[in-house]
Amino acid sequence: MARPPGTRPRGRAPGPHPGGAPPVRPPALSALLDWANAGIGDPAADFVDMLYAGGTDVLDRLLDAYRAAGGEVPDGMRSHILARASFIWVHVALRGLDTGRPVWVETALRRMAR
């Protein structure tokens, strides 16, 4: 199958290759990071999605792993994460208003009504 013009072949794992083709080195650029919304903020906000995804058991294991890897987990951080999670739908609604996304506002209002 032909590659689009200007593209490079993907790298291959070491080992035997069909037809004796040698491994191809991956391109120098392997990823792009989008820093458009980067900023300094409350680190607890980064844990709220994990709490929603897996519950408090996942949150506790994540905080333990974060601490073991050298991350700072101050006293009360777990409670702070739970508090932030308790008003996440207010944040979603406000973000929907700010960005003109009525579906976000409607979803948030439904979630808060539960």
N, C-alpha and C. Protein backbone atom coordinates (compact mmCIF):
# COMPACT_ATOMS: atom_id res chain seq x y z
N MET A 1 0.84 -1.17 0.00
CA MET A 1 0.00 0.00 0.00
C MET A 1 0.89 1.24 0.00
N ALA A 2 0.63 2.17 -0.87
CA ALA A 2 1.45 3.37 -0.98
C ALA A 2 1.18 4.30 0.19
N ARG A 3 2.25 4.96 0.66
CA ARG A 3 2.12 5.95 1.71
C ARG A 3 1.81 7.31 1.09
N PRO A 4 1.11 8.17 1.83
CA PRO A 4 0.89 9.53 1.32
C PRO A 4 2.23 10.24 1.12
N PRO A 5 2.34 11.14 0.16
CA PRO A 5 3.59 11.87 -0.07
C PRO A 5 4.05 12.58 1.20
N GLY A 6 5.35 12.54 1.44
CA GLY A 6 5.92 13.24 2.58
C GLY A 6 5.88 12.47 3.88
N THR A 7 5.28 11.28 3.91
CA THR A 7 5.25 10.50 5.16
C THR A 7 6.41 9.54 5.18
N ARG A 8 6.76 9.11 6.39
CA ARG A 8 7.85 8.17 6.56
C ARG A 8 7.29 6.84 7.04
N PRO A 9 7.99 5.75 6.76
CA PRO A 9 7.52 4.45 7.26
C PRO A 9 7.62 4.39 8.77
N ARG A 10 6.73 3.64 9.38
CA ARG A 10 6.76 3.45 10.84
C ARG A 10 7.91 2.52 11.19
N GLY A 11 8.44 2.71 12.41
CA GLY A 11 9.51 1.84 12.89
C GLY A 11 8.98 0.43 13.13
N ARG A 12 9.87 -0.53 13.12
CA ARG A 12 9.49 -1.93 13.36
C ARG A 12 10.22 -2.45 14.57
N ALA A 13 9.64 -3.44 15.18
CA ALA A 13 10.29 -4.07 16.33
C ALA A 13 11.49 -4.87 15.86
N PRO A 14 12.52 -4.99 16.72
CA PRO A 14 13.67 -5.80 16.34
C PRO A 14 13.27 -7.25 16.11
N GLY A 15 14.01 -7.94 15.28
CA GLY A 15 13.75 -9.35 15.03
C GLY A 15 13.58 -9.61 13.55
N PRO A 16 13.24 -10.85 13.20
CA PRO A 16 13.10 -11.19 11.78
C PRO A 16 11.94 -10.42 11.15
N HIS A 17 12.15 -10.04 9.91
CA HIS A 17 11.14 -9.27 9.20
C HIS A 17 10.81 -9.97 7.88
N PRO A 18 9.57 -9.91 7.44
CA PRO A 18 9.20 -10.54 6.17
C PRO A 18 10.06 -10.00 5.03
N GLY A 19 10.53 -10.90 4.17
CA GLY A 19 11.32 -10.48 3.02
C GLY A 19 12.70 -9.99 3.39
N GLY A 20 13.13 -10.18 4.64
CA GLY A 20 14.45 -9.74 5.06
C GLY A 20 14.59 -8.24 5.17
N ALA A 21 13.47 -7.52 5.25
CA ALA A 21 13.54 -6.06 5.35
C ALA A 21 14.16 -5.65 6.68
N PRO A 22 15.11 -4.73 6.66
CA PRO A 22 15.73 -4.29 7.91
C PRO A 22 14.77 -3.40 8.70
N PRO A 23 15.01 -3.27 10.00
CA PRO A 23 14.16 -2.37 10.79
C PRO A 23 14.34 -0.93 10.31
N VAL A 24 13.29 -0.16 10.41
CA VAL A 24 13.32 1.24 10.00
C VAL A 24 13.33 2.08 11.26
N ARG A 25 14.22 3.06 11.32
CA ARG A 25 14.27 3.94 12.49
C ARG A 25 13.05 4.86 12.49
N PRO A 26 12.47 5.08 13.67
CA PRO A 26 11.33 6.00 13.71
C PRO A 26 11.80 7.43 13.44
N PRO A 27 10.91 8.30 13.03
CA PRO A 27 11.31 9.69 12.80
C PRO A 27 11.76 10.34 14.10
N ALA A 28 12.53 11.40 13.99
CA ALA A 28 13.04 12.09 15.17
C ALA A 28 11.90 12.66 16.01
N LEU A 29 10.86 13.15 15.38
CA LEU A 29 9.72 13.69 16.10
C LEU A 29 8.74 12.55 16.37
N SER A 30 8.50 12.26 17.64
CA SER A 30 7.62 11.13 17.96
C SER A 30 6.32 11.56 18.63
N ALA A 31 6.22 12.82 19.03
CA ALA A 31 4.99 13.28 19.67
C ALA A 31 4.93 14.80 19.63
N LEU A 32 3.72 15.30 19.76
CA LEU A 32 3.50 16.74 19.90
C LEU A 32 2.70 16.97 21.17
N LEU A 33 3.06 17.98 21.90
CA LEU A 33 2.32 18.34 23.10
C LEU A 33 1.57 19.63 22.82
N ASP A 34 0.32 19.68 23.22
CA ASP A 34 -0.48 20.88 23.05
C ASP A 34 -0.45 21.65 24.36
N TRP A 35 0.26 22.75 24.37
CA TRP A 35 0.42 23.56 25.58
C TRP A 35 -0.57 24.72 25.60
N ALA A 36 -1.58 24.71 24.74
CA ALA A 36 -2.49 25.84 24.63
C ALA A 36 -3.20 26.15 25.94
N ASN A 37 -3.55 25.12 26.71
CA ASN A 37 -4.27 25.35 27.97
C ASN A 37 -3.40 25.09 29.19
N ALA A 38 -2.08 25.04 28.99
CA ALA A 38 -1.19 24.77 30.11
C ALA A 38 -1.19 25.95 31.07
N GLY A 39 -1.04 25.65 32.32
CA GLY A 39 -0.99 26.70 33.32
C GLY A 39 -0.70 26.11 34.68
N ILE A 40 -0.50 26.98 35.62
CA ILE A 40 -0.28 26.56 37.00
C ILE A 40 -1.61 26.67 37.72
N GLY A 41 -2.02 25.59 38.32
CA GLY A 41 -3.30 25.59 39.02
C GLY A 41 -3.29 24.59 40.16
N ASP A 42 -4.46 24.30 40.62
CA ASP A 42 -4.65 23.39 41.73
C ASP A 42 -4.38 21.96 41.28
N PRO A 43 -3.37 21.28 41.84
CA PRO A 43 -3.08 19.91 41.40
C PRO A 43 -4.22 18.94 41.69
N ALA A 44 -5.06 19.24 42.64
CA ALA A 44 -6.19 18.36 42.94
C ALA A 44 -7.13 18.22 41.75
N ALA A 45 -7.19 19.24 40.91
CA ALA A 45 -8.07 19.20 39.74
C ALA A 45 -7.68 18.06 38.80
N ASP A 46 -6.40 17.73 38.74
CA ASP A 46 -5.94 16.66 37.86
C ASP A 46 -6.38 15.28 38.34
N PHE A 47 -6.74 15.16 39.59
CA PHE A 47 -7.14 13.87 40.15
C PHE A 47 -8.65 13.64 40.10
N VAL A 48 -9.43 14.68 39.84
CA VAL A 48 -10.89 14.55 39.85
C VAL A 48 -11.37 13.57 38.80
N ASP A 49 -10.82 13.64 37.58
CA ASP A 49 -11.24 12.71 36.53
C ASP A 49 -10.96 11.26 36.92
N MET A 50 -9.82 11.04 37.57
CA MET A 50 -9.49 9.67 38.01
C MET A 50 -10.47 9.18 39.07
N LEU A 51 -10.90 10.09 39.92
CA LEU A 51 -11.90 9.74 40.93
C LEU A 51 -13.20 9.34 40.25
N TYR A 52 -13.63 10.13 39.25
CA TYR A 52 -14.86 9.78 38.53
C TYR A 52 -14.71 8.48 37.76
N ALA A 53 -13.53 8.24 37.22
CA ALA A 53 -13.32 7.04 36.41
C ALA A 53 -13.30 5.77 37.25
N GLY A 54 -12.73 5.83 38.45
CA GLY A 54 -12.54 4.59 39.20
C GLY A 54 -12.99 4.59 40.64
N GLY A 55 -13.48 5.70 41.13
CA GLY A 55 -13.92 5.75 42.51
C GLY A 55 -12.78 5.99 43.49
N THR A 56 -13.12 5.95 44.75
CA THR A 56 -12.14 6.29 45.78
C THR A 56 -11.02 5.26 45.89
N ASP A 57 -11.29 4.00 45.58
CA ASP A 57 -10.21 2.99 45.62
C ASP A 57 -9.12 3.34 44.61
N VAL A 58 -9.51 3.71 43.39
CA VAL A 58 -8.54 4.09 42.37
C VAL A 58 -7.83 5.37 42.79
N LEU A 59 -8.57 6.32 43.33
CA LEU A 59 -7.96 7.57 43.79
C LEU A 59 -6.90 7.29 44.85
N ASP A 60 -7.21 6.45 45.82
CA ASP A 60 -6.25 6.14 46.89
C ASP A 60 -4.99 5.47 46.33
N ARG A 61 -5.16 4.54 45.40
CA ARG A 61 -3.99 3.88 44.80
C ARG A 61 -3.19 4.87 43.96
N LEU A 62 -3.88 5.75 43.27
CA LEU A 62 -3.20 6.76 42.46
C LEU A 62 -2.39 7.71 43.34
N LEU A 63 -2.98 8.16 44.43
CA LEU A 63 -2.25 9.05 45.34
C LEU A 63 -1.04 8.35 45.95
N ASP A 64 -1.18 7.08 46.31
CA ASP A 64 -0.04 6.31 46.83
C ASP A 64 1.06 6.22 45.79
N ALA A 65 0.70 5.92 44.54
CA ALA A 65 1.69 5.81 43.46
C ALA A 65 2.34 7.17 43.18
N TYR A 66 1.54 8.21 43.21
CA TYR A 66 2.06 9.57 42.99
C TYR A 66 3.08 9.92 44.06
N ARG A 67 2.74 9.63 45.30
CA ARG A 67 3.64 9.89 46.42
C ARG A 67 4.92 9.06 46.28
N ALA A 68 4.79 7.78 45.92
CA ALA A 68 5.95 6.90 45.77
C ALA A 68 6.88 7.36 44.65
N ALA A 69 6.30 8.01 43.63
CA ALA A 69 7.11 8.50 42.51
C ALA A 69 7.72 9.87 42.79
N GLY A 70 7.49 10.40 43.99
CA GLY A 70 8.08 11.68 44.35
C GLY A 70 7.15 12.86 44.30
N GLY A 71 5.87 12.62 43.98
CA GLY A 71 4.91 13.72 43.96
C GLY A 71 4.54 14.14 45.37
N GLU A 72 4.23 15.40 45.52
CA GLU A 72 3.85 15.92 46.84
C GLU A 72 2.35 15.73 47.05
N VAL A 73 2.01 15.02 48.13
CA VAL A 73 0.61 14.80 48.50
C VAL A 73 0.44 15.38 49.90
N PRO A 74 0.11 16.67 49.99
CA PRO A 74 -0.02 17.30 51.31
C PRO A 74 -1.19 16.74 52.11
N ASP A 75 -1.13 16.90 53.42
CA ASP A 75 -2.25 16.50 54.28
C ASP A 75 -3.53 17.18 53.78
N GLY A 76 -4.59 16.43 53.73
CA GLY A 76 -5.87 16.98 53.31
C GLY A 76 -6.10 16.99 51.80
N MET A 77 -5.13 16.54 51.02
CA MET A 77 -5.30 16.58 49.56
C MET A 77 -6.45 15.68 49.11
N ARG A 78 -6.56 14.50 49.71
CA ARG A 78 -7.66 13.60 49.34
C ARG A 78 -9.01 14.27 49.56
N SER A 79 -9.18 14.90 50.71
CA SER A 79 -10.43 15.61 51.02
C SER A 79 -10.66 16.76 50.04
N HIS A 80 -9.59 17.42 49.69
CA HIS A 80 -9.67 18.53 48.74
C HIS A 80 -10.12 18.03 47.37
N ILE A 81 -9.61 16.88 46.94
CA ILE A 81 -10.02 16.29 45.66
C ILE A 81 -11.50 15.94 45.70
N LEU A 82 -11.95 15.34 46.79
CA LEU A 82 -13.36 14.99 46.93
C LEU A 82 -14.24 16.24 46.90
N ALA A 83 -13.77 17.32 47.53
CA ALA A 83 -14.54 18.57 47.52
C ALA A 83 -14.63 19.15 46.12
N ARG A 84 -13.50 19.15 45.39
CA ARG A 84 -13.53 19.65 44.01
C ARG A 84 -14.48 18.82 43.15
N ALA A 85 -14.46 17.51 43.37
CA ALA A 85 -15.33 16.62 42.58
C ALA A 85 -16.80 16.89 42.87
N SER A 86 -17.10 17.35 44.06
CA SER A 86 -18.51 17.57 44.43
C SER A 86 -19.13 18.74 43.67
N PHE A 87 -18.32 19.63 43.13
CA PHE A 87 -18.90 20.73 42.34
C PHE A 87 -18.42 20.75 40.90
N ILE A 88 -17.99 19.61 40.39
CA ILE A 88 -17.49 19.53 39.02
C ILE A 88 -18.55 19.95 38.00
N TRP A 89 -19.82 19.63 38.27
CA TRP A 89 -20.86 19.95 37.29
C TRP A 89 -21.16 21.45 37.25
N VAL A 90 -20.91 22.15 38.33
CA VAL A 90 -21.02 23.61 38.30
C VAL A 90 -19.93 24.16 37.36
N HIS A 91 -18.74 23.61 37.48
CA HIS A 91 -17.64 24.03 36.62
C HIS A 91 -17.96 23.75 35.14
N VAL A 92 -18.51 22.57 34.87
CA VAL A 92 -18.85 22.20 33.49
C VAL A 92 -19.91 23.17 32.95
N ALA A 93 -20.91 23.50 33.75
CA ALA A 93 -21.95 24.43 33.31
C ALA A 93 -21.37 25.80 33.01
N LEU A 94 -20.51 26.29 33.89
CA LEU A 94 -19.91 27.61 33.67
C LEU A 94 -19.02 27.61 32.43
N ARG A 95 -18.29 26.53 32.23
CA ARG A 95 -17.43 26.42 31.04
C ARG A 95 -18.30 26.37 29.77
N GLY A 96 -19.42 25.69 29.86
CA GLY A 96 -20.34 25.66 28.73
C GLY A 96 -20.89 27.04 28.40
N LEU A 97 -21.20 27.81 29.43
CA LEU A 97 -21.67 29.18 29.20
C LEU A 97 -20.56 30.04 28.59
N ASP A 98 -19.35 29.91 29.14
CA ASP A 98 -18.21 30.71 28.65
C ASP A 98 -17.87 30.42 27.20
N THR A 99 -18.05 29.19 26.78
CA THR A 99 -17.61 28.78 25.44
C THR A 99 -18.76 28.59 24.45
N GLY A 100 -19.98 28.90 24.88
CA GLY A 100 -21.12 28.79 23.98
C GLY A 100 -21.49 27.36 23.64
N ARG A 101 -21.39 26.47 24.62
CA ARG A 101 -21.75 25.06 24.40
C ARG A 101 -22.97 24.72 25.26
N PRO A 102 -24.17 24.96 24.75
CA PRO A 102 -25.38 24.73 25.54
C PRO A 102 -25.54 23.26 25.96
N VAL A 103 -25.02 22.33 25.19
CA VAL A 103 -25.13 20.92 25.56
C VAL A 103 -24.40 20.66 26.88
N TRP A 104 -23.26 21.31 27.08
CA TRP A 104 -22.53 21.15 28.34
C TRP A 104 -23.37 21.67 29.50
N VAL A 105 -24.02 22.82 29.28
CA VAL A 105 -24.84 23.42 30.34
C VAL A 105 -26.02 22.49 30.66
N GLU A 106 -26.69 22.00 29.64
CA GLU A 106 -27.83 21.10 29.84
C GLU A 106 -27.42 19.83 30.56
N THR A 107 -26.30 19.24 30.15
CA THR A 107 -25.81 18.02 30.80
C THR A 107 -25.50 18.28 32.26
N ALA A 108 -24.81 19.38 32.52
CA ALA A 108 -24.45 19.71 33.90
C ALA A 108 -25.69 19.93 34.76
N LEU A 109 -26.67 20.63 34.23
CA LEU A 109 -27.89 20.88 35.00
C LEU A 109 -28.63 19.57 35.31
N ARG A 110 -28.67 18.66 34.33
CA ARG A 110 -29.27 17.35 34.59
C ARG A 110 -28.52 16.60 35.69
N ARG A 111 -27.20 16.62 35.62
CA ARG A 111 -26.38 15.91 36.62
C ARG A 111 -26.56 16.52 38.01
N MET A 112 -26.68 17.85 38.09
CA MET A 112 -26.84 18.50 39.40
C MET A 112 -28.22 18.24 39.98
N ALA A 113 -29.21 17.96 39.12
CA ALA A 113 -30.58 17.73 39.59
C ALA A 113 -30.74 16.37 40.23
N ARG A 114 -29.78 15.48 40.05
CA ARG A 114 -29.89 14.12 40.60
C ARG A 114 -29.79 14.12 42.11
